[in-house]
C-alpha atoms as a PDB file:
ATOM      1  CA  MET A   1     -43.937 -26.194  62.966  1.00  0.00           C
ATOM      2  CA  ARG A   2     -47.251 -25.021  61.592  1.00  0.00           C
ATOM      3  CA  ALA A   3     -49.556 -22.697  63.423  1.00  0.00           C
ATOM      4  CA  GLY A   4     -52.390 -25.208  64.106  1.00  0.00           C
ATOM      5  CA  ARG A   5     -50.128 -27.755  65.746  1.00  0.00           C
ATOM      6  CA  ARG A   6     -48.249 -25.059  67.682  1.00  0.00           C
ATOM      7  CA  LEU A   7     -51.605 -23.636  68.970  1.00  0.00           C
ATOM      8  CA  ARG A   8     -52.668 -27.098  70.148  1.00  0.00           C
ATOM      9  CA  GLN A   9     -49.462 -27.463  72.184  1.00  0.00           C
ATOM     10  CA  LEU A  10     -49.878 -24.079  73.665  1.00  0.00           C
ATOM     11  CA  VAL A  11     -53.501 -24.670  74.654  1.00  0.00           C
ATOM     12  CA  ILE A  12     -52.581 -28.000  76.323  1.00  0.00           C
ATOM     13  CA  ALA A  13     -49.876 -26.262  78.326  1.00  0.00           C
ATOM     14  CA  ARG A  14     -52.224 -23.381  79.252  1.00  0.00           C
ATOM     15  CA  ILE A  15     -54.973 -25.543  80.531  1.00  0.00           C
ATOM     16  CA  GLU A  16     -52.575 -27.761  82.551  1.00  0.00           C
ATOM     17  CA  ASP A  17     -50.972 -24.661  84.085  1.00  0.00           C
ATOM     18  CA  GLN A  18     -54.147 -22.856  84.955  1.00  0.00           C
ATOM     19  CA  VAL A  19     -56.608 -25.617  85.854  1.00  0.00           C
ATOM     20  CA  ALA A  20     -54.909 -27.658  88.667  1.00  0.00           C
ATOM     21  CA  GLU A  21     -57.421 -30.442  88.557  1.00  0.00           C
ATOM     22  CA  LEU A  22     -56.549 -31.167  84.912  1.00  0.00           C
ATOM     23  CA  ALA A  23     -52.683 -31.115  85.231  1.00  0.00           C
ATOM     24  CA  GLY A  24     -51.319 -34.004  83.268  1.00  0.00           C
ATOM     25  CA  LYS A  25     -54.802 -34.852  81.965  1.00  0.00           C
ATOM     26  CA  VAL A  26     -54.995 -32.794  78.750  1.00  0.00           C
ATOM     27  CA  PHE A  27     -54.319 -34.684  75.542  1.00  0.00           C
ATOM     28  CA  ASP A  28     -54.446 -34.288  71.833  1.00  0.00           C
ATOM     29  CA  GLN A  29     -56.053 -37.713  71.824  1.00  0.00           C
ATOM     30  CA  ALA A  30     -56.698 -39.832  74.967  1.00  0.00           C
ATOM     31  CA  LEU A  31     -56.771 -43.551  75.545  1.00  0.00           C
ATOM     32  CA  ALA A  32     -60.109 -45.252  76.297  1.00  0.00           C
ATOM     33  CA  SER A  33     -58.727 -46.160  79.754  1.00  0.00           C
ATOM     34  CA  THR A  34     -58.028 -42.533  80.719  1.00  0.00           C
ATOM     35  CA  ALA A  35     -59.621 -41.685  84.104  1.00  0.00           C
ATOM     36  CA  HIS A  36     -62.188 -38.844  84.370  1.00  0.00           C
ATOM     37  CA  PRO A  37     -61.960 -35.899  84.197  1.00  0.00           C
ATOM     38  CA  TYR A  38     -59.796 -35.302  81.236  1.00  0.00           C
ATOM     39  CA  VAL A  39     -59.550 -33.003  78.242  1.00  0.00           C
ATOM     40  CA  THR A  40     -58.986 -33.780  74.587  1.00  0.00           C
ATOM     41  CA  LEU A  41     -58.566 -31.270  71.722  1.00  0.00           C
ATOM     42  CA  GLY A  42     -61.327 -31.651  69.224  1.00  0.00           C
ATOM     43  CA  PRO A  43     -61.965 -30.411  65.754  1.00  0.00           C
ATOM     44  CA  SER A  44     -60.322 -27.224  64.392  1.00  0.00           C
ATOM     45  CA  TYR A  45     -60.543 -25.146  61.326  1.00  0.00           C
ATOM     46  CA  TRP A  46     -59.291 -21.821  60.076  1.00  0.00           C
ATOM     47  CA  ASN A  47     -60.285 -19.005  57.731  1.00  0.00           C
ATOM     48  CA  ASP A  48     -57.876 -16.746  55.847  1.00  0.00           C
ATOM     49  CA  THR A  49     -58.219 -13.258  57.335  1.00  0.00           C
ATOM     50  CA  SER A  50     -55.258 -11.752  55.628  1.00  0.00           C
ATOM     51  CA  VAL A  51     -55.151  -8.093  54.690  1.00  0.00           C
ATOM     52  CA  THR A  52     -52.951  -6.323  52.153  1.00  0.00           C
ATOM     53  CA  CYS A  53     -49.868  -6.185  54.370  1.00  0.00           C
ATOM     54  CA  VAL A  54     -50.433  -9.018  56.899  1.00  0.00           C
ATOM     55  CA  LYS A  55     -50.952 -12.720  56.198  1.00  0.00           C
ATOM     56  CA  ALA A  56     -53.214 -14.106  58.928  1.00  0.00           C
ATOM     57  CA  ARG A  57     -55.759 -16.703  59.778  1.00  0.00           C
ATOM     58  CA  THR A  58     -58.525 -16.972  62.373  1.00  0.00           C
ATOM     59  CA  MET A  59     -58.307 -20.427  63.924  1.00  0.00           C
ATOM     60  CA  THR A  60     -61.192 -22.109  65.736  1.00  0.00           C
ATOM     61  CA  LEU A  61     -60.432 -24.962  68.143  1.00  0.00           C
ATOM     62  CA  GLN A  62     -62.776 -27.107  70.126  1.00  0.00           C
ATOM     63  CA  ILE A  63     -61.707 -28.207  73.641  1.00  0.00           C
ATOM     64  CA  ASP A  64     -63.617 -31.292  74.911  1.00  0.00           C
ATOM     65  CA  LEU A  65     -63.879 -32.053  78.624  1.00  0.00           C
ATOM     66  CA  TRP A  66     -64.900 -35.567  79.539  1.00  0.00           C
ATOM     67  CA  HIS A  67     -66.375 -36.299  82.967  1.00  0.00           C
ATOM     68  CA  SER A  68     -68.206 -39.074  84.598  1.00  0.00           C
ATOM     69  CA  GLN A  69     -72.071 -39.114  84.592  1.00  0.00           C
ATOM     70  CA  GLU A  70     -72.014 -38.739  88.391  1.00  0.00           C
ATOM     71  CA  SER A  71     -71.325 -34.984  88.345  1.00  0.00           C
ATOM     72  CA  LYS A  72     -72.657 -32.685  85.698  1.00  0.00           C
ATOM     73  CA  GLY A  73     -72.053 -29.781  88.173  1.00  0.00           C
ATOM     74  CA  ALA A  74     -68.347 -30.634  88.429  1.00  0.00           C
ATOM     75  CA  CYS A  75     -68.202 -30.677  84.590  1.00  0.00           C
ATOM     76  CA  GLU A  76     -69.785 -27.230  84.556  1.00  0.00           C
ATOM     77  CA  ASP A  77     -67.238 -25.911  87.049  1.00  0.00           C
ATOM     78  CA  LEU A  78     -64.307 -27.291  84.981  1.00  0.00           C
ATOM     79  CA  THR A  79     -65.691 -25.873  81.704  1.00  0.00           C
ATOM     80  CA  ASP A  80     -65.904 -22.452  83.443  1.00  0.00           C
ATOM     81  CA  ASP A  81     -62.293 -22.838  84.648  1.00  0.00           C
ATOM     82  CA  ILE A  82     -61.067 -23.734  81.192  1.00  0.00           C
ATOM     83  CA  ALA A  83     -62.964 -20.874  79.573  1.00  0.00           C
ATOM     84  CA  ALA A  84     -61.487 -18.408  82.113  1.00  0.00           C
ATOM     85  CA  ALA A  85     -57.992 -19.806  81.337  1.00  0.00           C
ATOM     86  CA  ILE A  86     -58.446 -19.286  77.621  1.00  0.00           C
ATOM     87  CA  GLN A  87     -60.434 -15.996  77.361  1.00  0.00           C
ATOM     88  CA  GLY A  88     -58.095 -13.115  76.597  1.00  0.00           C
ATOM     89  CA  TRP A  89     -54.973 -15.313  76.750  1.00  0.00           C
ATOM     90  CA  SER A  90     -52.175 -15.178  74.209  1.00  0.00           C
ATOM     91  CA  ASP A  91     -48.573 -16.393  74.173  1.00  0.00           C
ATOM     92  CA  THR A  92     -46.925 -13.988  71.781  1.00  0.00           C
ATOM     93  CA  ASP A  93     -43.415 -15.412  72.615  1.00  0.00           C
ATOM     94  CA  ALA A  94     -44.366 -18.652  71.104  1.00  0.00           C
ATOM     95  CA  LEU A  95     -46.879 -17.648  68.281  1.00  0.00           C
ATOM     96  CA  THR A  96     -47.804 -14.283  66.696  1.00  0.00           C
ATOM     97  CA  MET A  97     -51.345 -14.483  68.091  1.00  0.00           C
ATOM     98  CA  HIS A  98     -53.947 -12.046  69.255  1.00  0.00           C
ATOM     99  CA  PRO A  99     -55.812 -12.659  72.572  1.00  0.00           C
ATOM    100  CA  ALA A 100     -58.092 -15.729  72.378  1.00  0.00           C
ATOM    101  CA  ASN A 101     -61.824 -15.387  72.463  1.00  0.00           C
ATOM    102  CA  VAL A 102     -64.142 -18.071  73.942  1.00  0.00           C
ATOM    103  CA  THR A 103     -67.133 -18.235  71.634  1.00  0.00           C
ATOM    104  CA  LEU A 104     -69.138 -21.145  73.062  1.00  0.00           C
ATOM    105  CA  VAL A 105     -69.362 -23.190  76.238  1.00  0.00           C
ATOM    106  CA  ARG A 106     -71.699 -26.093  76.410  1.00  0.00           C
ATOM    107  CA  VAL A 107     -72.235 -29.057  78.822  1.00  0.00           C
ATOM    108  CA  MET A 108     -74.300 -32.004  77.673  1.00  0.00           C
ATOM    109  CA  ASP A 109     -74.914 -35.710  78.060  1.00  0.00           C
ATOM    110  CA  ASP A 110     -72.798 -37.680  75.594  1.00  0.00           C
ATOM    111  CA  PRO A 111     -73.993 -40.897  73.909  1.00  0.00           C
ATOM    112  CA  SER A 112     -71.024 -42.601  75.476  1.00  0.00           C
ATOM    113  CA  GLY A 113     -72.506 -42.183  78.926  1.00  0.00           C
ATOM    114  CA  ASP A 114     -70.025 -39.436  79.901  1.00  0.00           C
ATOM    115  CA  VAL A 115     -70.830 -35.838  80.549  1.00  0.00           C
ATOM    116  CA  HIS A 116     -69.273 -33.731  77.776  1.00  0.00           C
ATOM    117  CA  GLY A 117     -68.149 -30.194  78.166  1.00  0.00           C
ATOM    118  CA  ILE A 118     -67.331 -28.172  75.032  1.00  0.00           C
ATOM    119  CA  ILE A 119     -65.341 -25.007  74.915  1.00  0.00           C
ATOM    120  CA  GLN A 120     -64.865 -23.429  71.604  1.00  0.00           C
ATOM    121  CA  MET A 121     -62.171 -20.743  71.102  1.00  0.00           C
ATOM    122  CA  GLU A 122     -61.059 -18.451  68.307  1.00  0.00           C
ATOM    123  CA  VAL A 123     -57.765 -16.809  67.821  1.00  0.00           C
ATOM    124  CA  LEU A 124     -56.195 -14.575  65.112  1.00  0.00           C
ATOM    125  CA  ILE A 125     -52.734 -15.812  64.194  1.00  0.00           C
ATOM    126  CA  GLU A 126     -50.378 -13.768  61.999  1.00  0.00           C
ATOM    127  CA  GLN A 127     -47.837 -15.455  59.825  1.00  0.00           C
ATOM    128  CA  ASP A 128     -44.344 -14.375  60.711  1.00  0.00           C
ATOM    129  CA  PRO A 129     -42.479 -12.740  57.800  1.00  0.00           C
ATOM    130  CA  ALA A 130     -40.146 -15.115  55.997  1.00  0.00           C
END
């Protein structure tokens, strides 16, 4: 399995384990009928950060929290909880990764009518030697 897909699986498991209110409500892609609050994993990209002796990439992943318009404060609380669960976390048994860094947290009104929380994370992942 490639690093990007594995990282997505690990992030889903981490959020569900660390943020009780979101257990069972974190998806790579959610259905339109999914009840609030829930999380989807958004865009991702990576840059080659290899050095002479280590092949590596810095991956950036957006975590999207969707909440009802009734409670922007509750959305703020959950974005803080997700950021705390991700900041400094790594699962080196599953992936050769350095501790994650949360680089952006934002809460805004979404055109859909939902409140949208955005947590952006970066992590350096080393390619295991073949």
